[in-house]
Structure formats: structure tokens, C-alpha cells
Amino acid sequence: MTITKEQWMQVETELSGSWGHVEMLIDGFKVSLQIERIKSLKYTITTYVNGQWCGKWMREDSDEGKRFFCPKSSFLLSTKDRADLIKIYGGKRCPKAELERFNKKYTTLMPHWNSVKSMRRHFEKNNQSLELVSIGFQA
């Protein structure tokens, strides 16, 4: 069973404030989404799978990480360092192999989401069954 458009709107409303909690059942995993403060005045949606999150899920070869965590990719070198190296190797005549080496990226899977929309797209793309269990904190 998939989550309806109205239910996604309820999830977005719940997770848009400074408090919020949503529980889902996704492909047999119990996924909890909770608003948490990570810096002063910065809140994110934190993902917990079966009540926890592990550091090993932040690597690309982790099944839980691929399904539920937010992929963040970055260059190995800063923009300035890449420009300096290209200048050293001859500007536009820089060999293609060297350009590929300078522009290499890495991806880290983070348990924090900045928006419900990007989280929803990722969950729908990487999972088969999404069910809404509860919205809000249960007593």
C-alpha cells in the first residue's frame, strides 16, 4: 500500500515545524522521522531505521543507507585547488585523465533531510512499499 497525496501533505505539515514525528513502515523496516536541532536555529528531519541509525550506514555499500539516508556528494578538492592544478597542467590543454582525477567526487549518506519533498522522492525511488503508521508523538 502506498501513501496517498493527502497523507503526504499531513506528513509535510507535521515535519515543517520545530516539533514533529512520523512513523512509517517501508519494505518491512520501521522508519521514524523526527525533527531535531543540529545547530542553533537549524532543524532537520532525522531518519531512524528500526529505532536507531548506525555510522556504517553512511557508506555507499550499506543497504539501509541507500534506502533511507540522504546522499550528499562533494568534490575531493576545493574549487580553488582544482583551478590551480588545471593551470599547472596547462589550462585548456590539461590531459583528460588529469581532469577526471581533479574532478573526482565522493558520496556520503547522511541521516538528515532538509525537506520532505526530497525525502519523499528518494523513498519512492528506492523502496517498493511505503505505509504510514502514525503522525505526531503518541502517548
N, C-alpha and C. Protein backbone atom coordinates (compact mmCIF):
# COMPACT_ATOMS: atom_id res chain seq x y z
N MET A 1 0.84 -1.18 0.00
CA MET A 1 0.00 0.00 0.00
C MET A 1 0.88 1.25 0.00
N THR A 2 0.54 2.18 -0.83
CA THR A 2 1.34 3.40 -0.90
C THR A 2 0.64 4.52 -0.12
N ILE A 3 1.40 5.52 0.17
CA ILE A 3 0.88 6.66 0.91
C ILE A 3 0.19 7.61 -0.08
N THR A 4 -1.00 8.06 0.30
CA THR A 4 -1.77 8.94 -0.59
C THR A 4 -1.21 10.36 -0.56
N LYS A 5 -1.68 11.16 -1.50
CA LYS A 5 -1.25 12.56 -1.59
C LYS A 5 -1.65 13.34 -0.33
N GLU A 6 -2.86 13.06 0.19
CA GLU A 6 -3.32 13.75 1.41
C GLU A 6 -2.46 13.37 2.61
N GLN A 7 -2.06 12.09 2.69
CA GLN A 7 -1.20 11.65 3.79
C GLN A 7 0.18 12.31 3.68
N TRP A 8 0.71 12.45 2.47
CA TRP A 8 2.00 13.14 2.31
C TRP A 8 1.87 14.60 2.74
N MET A 9 0.73 15.22 2.48
CA MET A 9 0.52 16.60 2.92
C MET A 9 0.50 16.68 4.44
N GLN A 10 -0.10 15.68 5.10
CA GLN A 10 -0.10 15.63 6.57
C GLN A 10 1.32 15.44 7.10
N VAL A 11 2.10 14.58 6.44
CA VAL A 11 3.49 14.35 6.85
C VAL A 11 4.28 15.64 6.70
N GLU A 12 4.10 16.33 5.59
CA GLU A 12 4.83 17.59 5.36
C GLU A 12 4.44 18.65 6.40
N THR A 13 3.17 18.71 6.75
CA THR A 13 2.72 19.66 7.77
C THR A 13 3.33 19.32 9.12
N GLU A 14 3.35 18.04 9.47
CA GLU A 14 3.91 17.61 10.76
C GLU A 14 5.40 17.90 10.86
N LEU A 15 6.13 17.71 9.75
CA LEU A 15 7.58 17.86 9.77
C LEU A 15 8.05 19.26 9.36
N SER A 16 7.12 20.22 9.26
CA SER A 16 7.53 21.56 8.85
C SER A 16 7.78 22.49 10.04
N GLY A 17 7.38 22.11 11.23
CA GLY A 17 7.58 22.96 12.40
C GLY A 17 8.86 22.59 13.14
N SER A 18 8.97 23.09 14.36
CA SER A 18 10.16 22.78 15.16
C SER A 18 9.96 21.52 16.00
N TRP A 19 8.77 20.95 15.98
CA TRP A 19 8.49 19.67 16.61
C TRP A 19 7.84 18.81 15.54
N GLY A 20 8.08 17.55 15.58
CA GLY A 20 7.41 16.69 14.62
C GLY A 20 7.94 15.27 14.69
N HIS A 21 7.04 14.33 14.47
CA HIS A 21 7.42 12.92 14.50
C HIS A 21 6.47 12.15 13.59
N VAL A 22 7.03 11.32 12.73
CA VAL A 22 6.25 10.48 11.83
C VAL A 22 6.86 9.10 11.83
N GLU A 23 6.01 8.08 11.86
CA GLU A 23 6.49 6.70 11.76
C GLU A 23 5.91 6.07 10.51
N MET A 24 6.77 5.35 9.79
CA MET A 24 6.38 4.69 8.55
C MET A 24 6.88 3.25 8.57
N LEU A 25 6.24 2.42 7.79
CA LEU A 25 6.70 1.06 7.57
C LEU A 25 7.08 0.97 6.09
N ILE A 26 8.38 0.85 5.84
CA ILE A 26 8.88 0.86 4.47
C ILE A 26 9.61 -0.44 4.20
N ASP A 27 9.06 -1.26 3.32
CA ASP A 27 9.64 -2.55 2.95
C ASP A 27 10.03 -3.39 4.17
N GLY A 28 9.19 -3.37 5.20
CA GLY A 28 9.44 -4.17 6.39
C GLY A 28 10.30 -3.49 7.44
N PHE A 29 10.84 -2.31 7.16
CA PHE A 29 11.63 -1.55 8.13
C PHE A 29 10.73 -0.52 8.80
N LYS A 30 10.88 -0.37 10.11
CA LYS A 30 10.17 0.68 10.84
C LYS A 30 11.03 1.94 10.78
N VAL A 31 10.57 2.95 10.06
CA VAL A 31 11.33 4.18 9.85
C VAL A 31 10.66 5.31 10.63
N SER A 32 11.43 5.93 11.53
CA SER A 32 10.94 7.07 12.30
C SER A 32 11.60 8.33 11.76
N LEU A 33 10.80 9.35 11.52
CA LEU A 33 11.29 10.64 11.05
C LEU A 33 10.98 11.66 12.13
N GLN A 34 12.01 12.38 12.55
CA GLN A 34 11.86 13.27 13.69
C GLN A 34 12.57 14.58 13.43
N ILE A 35 11.94 15.69 13.80
CA ILE A 35 12.59 16.99 13.70
C ILE A 35 13.57 17.12 14.85
N GLU A 36 14.82 17.44 14.51
CA GLU A 36 15.85 17.61 15.53
C GLU A 36 16.68 18.84 15.21
N ARG A 37 17.19 19.45 16.25
CA ARG A 37 18.06 20.62 16.09
C ARG A 37 19.50 20.13 15.95
N ILE A 38 20.19 20.56 14.89
CA ILE A 38 21.58 20.15 14.71
C ILE A 38 22.55 21.30 14.94
N LYS A 39 22.08 22.53 14.81
CA LYS A 39 22.85 23.74 15.12
C LYS A 39 21.89 24.72 15.75
N SER A 40 22.41 25.81 16.24
CA SER A 40 21.48 26.79 16.78
C SER A 40 20.64 27.33 15.63
N LEU A 41 19.35 27.28 15.79
CA LEU A 41 18.36 27.74 14.81
C LEU A 41 18.37 26.96 13.50
N LYS A 42 18.93 25.73 13.49
CA LYS A 42 18.87 24.88 12.29
C LYS A 42 18.27 23.53 12.67
N TYR A 43 17.15 23.22 12.05
CA TYR A 43 16.45 21.97 12.31
C TYR A 43 16.45 21.11 11.05
N THR A 44 16.53 19.81 11.23
CA THR A 44 16.46 18.88 10.09
C THR A 44 15.55 17.72 10.45
N ILE A 45 15.23 16.95 9.44
CA ILE A 45 14.47 15.72 9.64
C ILE A 45 15.49 14.60 9.76
N THR A 46 15.52 13.95 10.92
CA THR A 46 16.47 12.86 11.16
C THR A 46 15.76 11.53 10.97
N THR A 47 16.42 10.62 10.28
CA THR A 47 15.87 9.32 9.96
C THR A 47 16.42 8.26 10.91
N TYR A 48 15.53 7.50 11.52
CA TYR A 48 15.91 6.36 12.35
C TYR A 48 15.29 5.10 11.74
N VAL A 49 16.09 4.07 11.56
CA VAL A 49 15.62 2.80 11.00
C VAL A 49 15.59 1.79 12.13
N ASN A 50 14.40 1.25 12.39
CA ASN A 50 14.18 0.32 13.50
C ASN A 50 14.67 0.92 14.82
N GLY A 51 14.44 2.21 15.02
CA GLY A 51 14.76 2.89 16.26
C GLY A 51 16.19 3.35 16.42
N GLN A 52 17.03 3.24 15.40
CA GLN A 52 18.43 3.63 15.53
C GLN A 52 18.99 4.06 14.18
N TRP A 53 20.18 4.62 14.21
CA TRP A 53 20.96 4.80 12.99
C TRP A 53 22.41 4.52 13.33
N CYS A 54 23.08 3.85 12.41
CA CYS A 54 24.47 3.43 12.62
C CYS A 54 25.39 4.18 11.67
N GLY A 55 26.60 4.42 12.13
CA GLY A 55 27.59 5.10 11.29
C GLY A 55 27.95 4.31 10.05
N LYS A 56 27.89 2.98 10.12
CA LYS A 56 28.24 2.16 8.95
C LYS A 56 27.22 2.32 7.83
N TRP A 57 26.03 2.82 8.12
CA TRP A 57 25.03 3.06 7.07
C TRP A 57 25.36 4.28 6.24
N MET A 58 26.33 5.08 6.66
CA MET A 58 26.68 6.29 5.93
C MET A 58 27.58 6.01 4.72
N ARG A 59 28.04 4.75 4.58
CA ARG A 59 28.84 4.37 3.41
C ARG A 59 27.92 3.95 2.28
N GLU A 60 28.42 4.04 1.05
CA GLU A 60 27.60 3.74 -0.12
C GLU A 60 27.22 2.27 -0.26
N ASP A 61 27.94 1.35 0.38
CA ASP A 61 27.64 -0.06 0.21
C ASP A 61 26.60 -0.58 1.22
N SER A 62 26.01 0.30 2.00
CA SER A 62 25.03 -0.08 3.00
C SER A 62 23.62 -0.07 2.41
N ASP A 63 22.86 -1.14 2.64
CA ASP A 63 21.50 -1.22 2.12
C ASP A 63 20.58 -0.21 2.80
N GLU A 64 20.65 -0.12 4.14
CA GLU A 64 19.81 0.84 4.86
C GLU A 64 20.14 2.27 4.46
N GLY A 65 21.42 2.56 4.31
CA GLY A 65 21.84 3.90 3.91
C GLY A 65 21.31 4.28 2.54
N LYS A 66 21.41 3.37 1.59
CA LYS A 66 20.93 3.65 0.23
C LYS A 66 19.43 3.88 0.21
N ARG A 67 18.69 3.15 1.03
CA ARG A 67 17.23 3.25 1.02
C ARG A 67 16.71 4.48 1.74
N PHE A 68 17.31 4.83 2.89
CA PHE A 68 16.68 5.80 3.77
C PHE A 68 17.48 7.06 4.06
N PHE A 69 18.77 7.11 3.73
CA PHE A 69 19.59 8.27 4.06
C PHE A 69 19.75 9.18 2.86
N CYS A 70 20.05 10.44 3.13
CA CYS A 70 20.19 11.47 2.11
C CYS A 70 21.60 11.44 1.51
N PRO A 71 21.72 11.22 0.19
CA PRO A 71 23.06 11.22 -0.42
C PRO A 71 23.59 12.64 -0.61
N LYS A 72 24.78 12.87 -0.11
CA LYS A 72 25.46 14.17 -0.27
C LYS A 72 26.78 13.91 -0.98
N SER A 73 26.99 14.54 -2.12
CA SER A 73 28.24 14.35 -2.84
C SER A 73 29.04 15.64 -2.87
N SER A 74 30.35 15.49 -2.82
CA SER A 74 31.27 16.62 -2.82
C SER A 74 32.51 16.28 -3.62
N PHE A 75 33.20 17.32 -4.07
CA PHE A 75 34.48 17.12 -4.74
C PHE A 75 35.54 16.81 -3.70
N LEU A 76 36.54 16.01 -4.09
CA LEU A 76 37.66 15.74 -3.21
C LEU A 76 38.50 16.99 -2.98
N LEU A 77 38.63 17.80 -4.04
CA LEU A 77 39.41 19.04 -3.96
C LEU A 77 38.49 20.24 -4.01
N SER A 78 38.90 21.34 -3.41
CA SER A 78 38.11 22.57 -3.46
C SER A 78 38.17 23.16 -4.87
N THR A 79 37.29 24.09 -5.14
CA THR A 79 37.24 24.74 -6.45
C THR A 79 38.56 25.45 -6.75
N LYS A 80 39.10 26.12 -5.76
CA LYS A 80 40.36 26.84 -5.94
C LYS A 80 41.51 25.87 -6.24
N ASP A 81 41.59 24.77 -5.49
CA ASP A 81 42.65 23.79 -5.72
C ASP A 81 42.54 23.16 -7.11
N ARG A 82 41.32 22.87 -7.54
CA ARG A 82 41.13 22.30 -8.87
C ARG A 82 41.56 23.28 -9.95
N ALA A 83 41.20 24.56 -9.80
CA ALA A 83 41.59 25.58 -10.79
C ALA A 83 43.11 25.74 -10.82
N ASP A 84 43.75 25.73 -9.65
CA ASP A 84 45.21 25.86 -9.60
C ASP A 84 45.89 24.68 -10.28
N LEU A 85 45.41 23.48 -10.04
CA LEU A 85 46.02 22.30 -10.65
C LEU A 85 45.84 22.28 -12.16
N ILE A 86 44.69 22.72 -12.63
CA ILE A 86 44.46 22.79 -14.09
C ILE A 86 45.40 23.80 -14.72
N LYS A 87 45.64 24.94 -14.03
CA LYS A 87 46.61 25.93 -14.53
C LYS A 87 48.00 25.33 -14.62
N ILE A 88 48.38 24.60 -13.59
CA ILE A 88 49.72 23.99 -13.56
C ILE A 88 49.88 23.00 -14.71
N TYR A 89 48.81 22.24 -15.01
CA TYR A 89 48.89 21.23 -16.07
C TYR A 89 48.63 21.79 -17.46
N GLY A 90 48.51 23.09 -17.61
CA GLY A 90 48.43 23.65 -18.95
C GLY A 90 47.09 24.20 -19.34
N GLY A 91 46.23 24.51 -18.38
CA GLY A 91 44.95 25.15 -18.70
C GLY A 91 44.07 24.26 -19.55
N LYS A 92 43.68 24.77 -20.74
CA LYS A 92 42.79 24.03 -21.63
C LYS A 92 43.45 22.78 -22.21
N ARG A 93 44.76 22.74 -22.19
CA ARG A 93 45.48 21.58 -22.73
C ARG A 93 45.73 20.50 -21.67
N CYS A 94 45.09 20.65 -20.54
CA CYS A 94 45.25 19.68 -19.45
C CYS A 94 44.74 18.31 -19.93
N PRO A 95 45.53 17.23 -19.73
CA PRO A 95 45.12 15.90 -20.17
C PRO A 95 43.79 15.48 -19.53
N LYS A 96 42.99 14.74 -20.30
CA LYS A 96 41.67 14.33 -19.85
C LYS A 96 41.74 13.47 -18.58
N ALA A 97 42.74 12.62 -18.49
CA ALA A 97 42.89 11.76 -17.31
C ALA A 97 43.13 12.60 -16.05
N GLU A 98 43.90 13.68 -16.20
CA GLU A 98 44.15 14.54 -15.06
C GLU A 98 42.89 15.31 -14.67
N LEU A 99 42.11 15.76 -15.67
CA LEU A 99 40.86 16.46 -15.38
C LEU A 99 39.91 15.57 -14.59
N GLU A 100 39.81 14.30 -15.01
CA GLU A 100 38.95 13.35 -14.29
C GLU A 100 39.43 13.17 -12.86
N ARG A 101 40.73 13.12 -12.67
CA ARG A 101 41.28 12.94 -11.32
C ARG A 101 40.98 14.16 -10.45
N PHE A 102 41.09 15.36 -11.01
CA PHE A 102 40.83 16.58 -10.25
C PHE A 102 39.35 16.73 -9.89
N ASN A 103 38.48 16.25 -10.79
CA ASN A 103 37.04 16.43 -10.60
C ASN A 103 36.37 15.22 -9.94
N LYS A 104 37.14 14.40 -9.28
CA LYS A 104 36.57 13.23 -8.62
C LYS A 104 35.68 13.65 -7.46
N LYS A 105 34.58 12.92 -7.28
CA LYS A 105 33.64 13.19 -6.21
C LYS A 105 33.53 11.98 -5.29
N TYR A 106 33.03 12.24 -4.10
CA TYR A 106 32.69 11.15 -3.20
C TYR A 106 31.29 11.42 -2.66
N THR A 107 30.61 10.35 -2.26
CA THR A 107 29.25 10.47 -1.76
C THR A 107 29.18 9.92 -0.34
N THR A 108 28.54 10.68 0.52
CA THR A 108 28.28 10.26 1.89
C THR A 108 26.77 10.22 2.07
N LEU A 109 26.29 9.23 2.77
CA LEU A 109 24.87 9.12 3.05
C LEU A 109 24.61 9.65 4.45
N MET A 110 23.82 10.70 4.55
CA MET A 110 23.56 11.36 5.83
C MET A 110 22.14 11.06 6.31
N PRO A 111 21.95 10.90 7.63
CA PRO A 111 20.61 10.61 8.15
C PRO A 111 19.71 11.84 8.25
N HIS A 112 20.19 12.99 7.79
CA HIS A 112 19.44 14.24 7.91
C HIS A 112 18.89 14.67 6.55
N TRP A 113 17.64 15.09 6.54
CA TRP A 113 16.99 15.60 5.34
C TRP A 113 16.62 17.05 5.58
N ASN A 114 16.76 17.89 4.55
CA ASN A 114 16.40 19.30 4.66
C ASN A 114 14.95 19.55 4.27
N SER A 115 14.36 18.68 3.44
CA SER A 115 12.98 18.89 3.03
C SER A 115 12.25 17.56 2.90
N VAL A 116 10.95 17.63 3.07
CA VAL A 116 10.10 16.44 2.96
C VAL A 116 10.01 16.01 1.50
N LYS A 117 10.03 16.98 0.58
CA LYS A 117 9.88 16.65 -0.84
C LYS A 117 11.05 15.81 -1.36
N SER A 118 12.27 16.19 -1.03
CA SER A 118 13.41 15.41 -1.49
C SER A 118 13.44 14.05 -0.81
N MET A 119 13.05 13.99 0.47
CA MET A 119 12.97 12.72 1.19
C MET A 119 11.93 11.81 0.53
N ARG A 120 10.79 12.35 0.19
CA ARG A 120 9.72 11.58 -0.45
C ARG A 120 10.18 11.00 -1.78
N ARG A 121 10.81 11.83 -2.62
CA ARG A 121 11.30 11.36 -3.92
C ARG A 121 12.29 10.20 -3.73
N HIS A 122 13.19 10.35 -2.77
CA HIS A 122 14.19 9.32 -2.52
C HIS A 122 13.54 8.03 -2.03
N PHE A 123 12.61 8.15 -1.09
CA PHE A 123 11.93 6.97 -0.55
C PHE A 123 11.14 6.24 -1.65
N GLU A 124 10.41 6.99 -2.47
CA GLU A 124 9.61 6.37 -3.53
C GLU A 124 10.49 5.74 -4.60
N LYS A 125 11.64 6.31 -4.87
CA LYS A 125 12.53 5.79 -5.90
C LYS A 125 13.25 4.52 -5.44
N ASN A 126 13.60 4.45 -4.16
CA ASN A 126 14.45 3.37 -3.67
C ASN A 126 13.73 2.28 -2.87
N ASN A 127 12.41 2.37 -2.74
CA ASN A 127 11.66 1.38 -1.96
C ASN A 127 10.39 1.00 -2.70
N GLN A 128 9.86 -0.17 -2.36
CA GLN A 128 8.65 -0.68 -3.01
C GLN A 128 7.38 -0.30 -2.25
N SER A 129 7.34 -0.61 -0.95
CA SER A 129 6.13 -0.46 -0.15
C SER A 129 6.31 0.62 0.91
N LEU A 130 5.48 1.64 0.88
CA LEU A 130 5.51 2.71 1.88
C LEU A 130 4.15 2.78 2.57
N GLU A 131 4.15 2.64 3.89
CA GLU A 131 2.92 2.74 4.67
C GLU A 131 3.11 3.73 5.79
N LEU A 132 2.09 4.54 6.04
CA LEU A 132 2.13 5.50 7.12
C LEU A 132 1.57 4.82 8.36
N VAL A 133 2.35 4.77 9.45
CA VAL A 133 1.92 4.14 10.69
C VAL A 133 1.28 5.17 11.61
N SER A 134 2.00 6.28 11.89
CA SER A 134 1.44 7.30 12.78
C SER A 134 2.05 8.65 12.47
N ILE A 135 1.32 9.69 12.82
CA ILE A 135 1.79 11.07 12.71
C ILE A 135 1.68 11.70 14.08
N GLY A 136 2.74 12.35 14.52
CA GLY A 136 2.76 13.01 15.83
C GLY A 136 3.26 12.06 16.90
N PHE A 137 3.53 12.62 18.06
CA PHE A 137 4.01 11.84 19.20
C PHE A 137 2.81 11.12 19.83
N GLN A 138 2.97 9.83 20.07
CA GLN A 138 1.90 9.03 20.66
C GLN A 138 2.16 8.88 22.16
N ALA A 139 1.12 9.02 22.96
CA ALA A 139 1.26 8.89 24.42
C ALA A 139 1.21 7.44 24.85
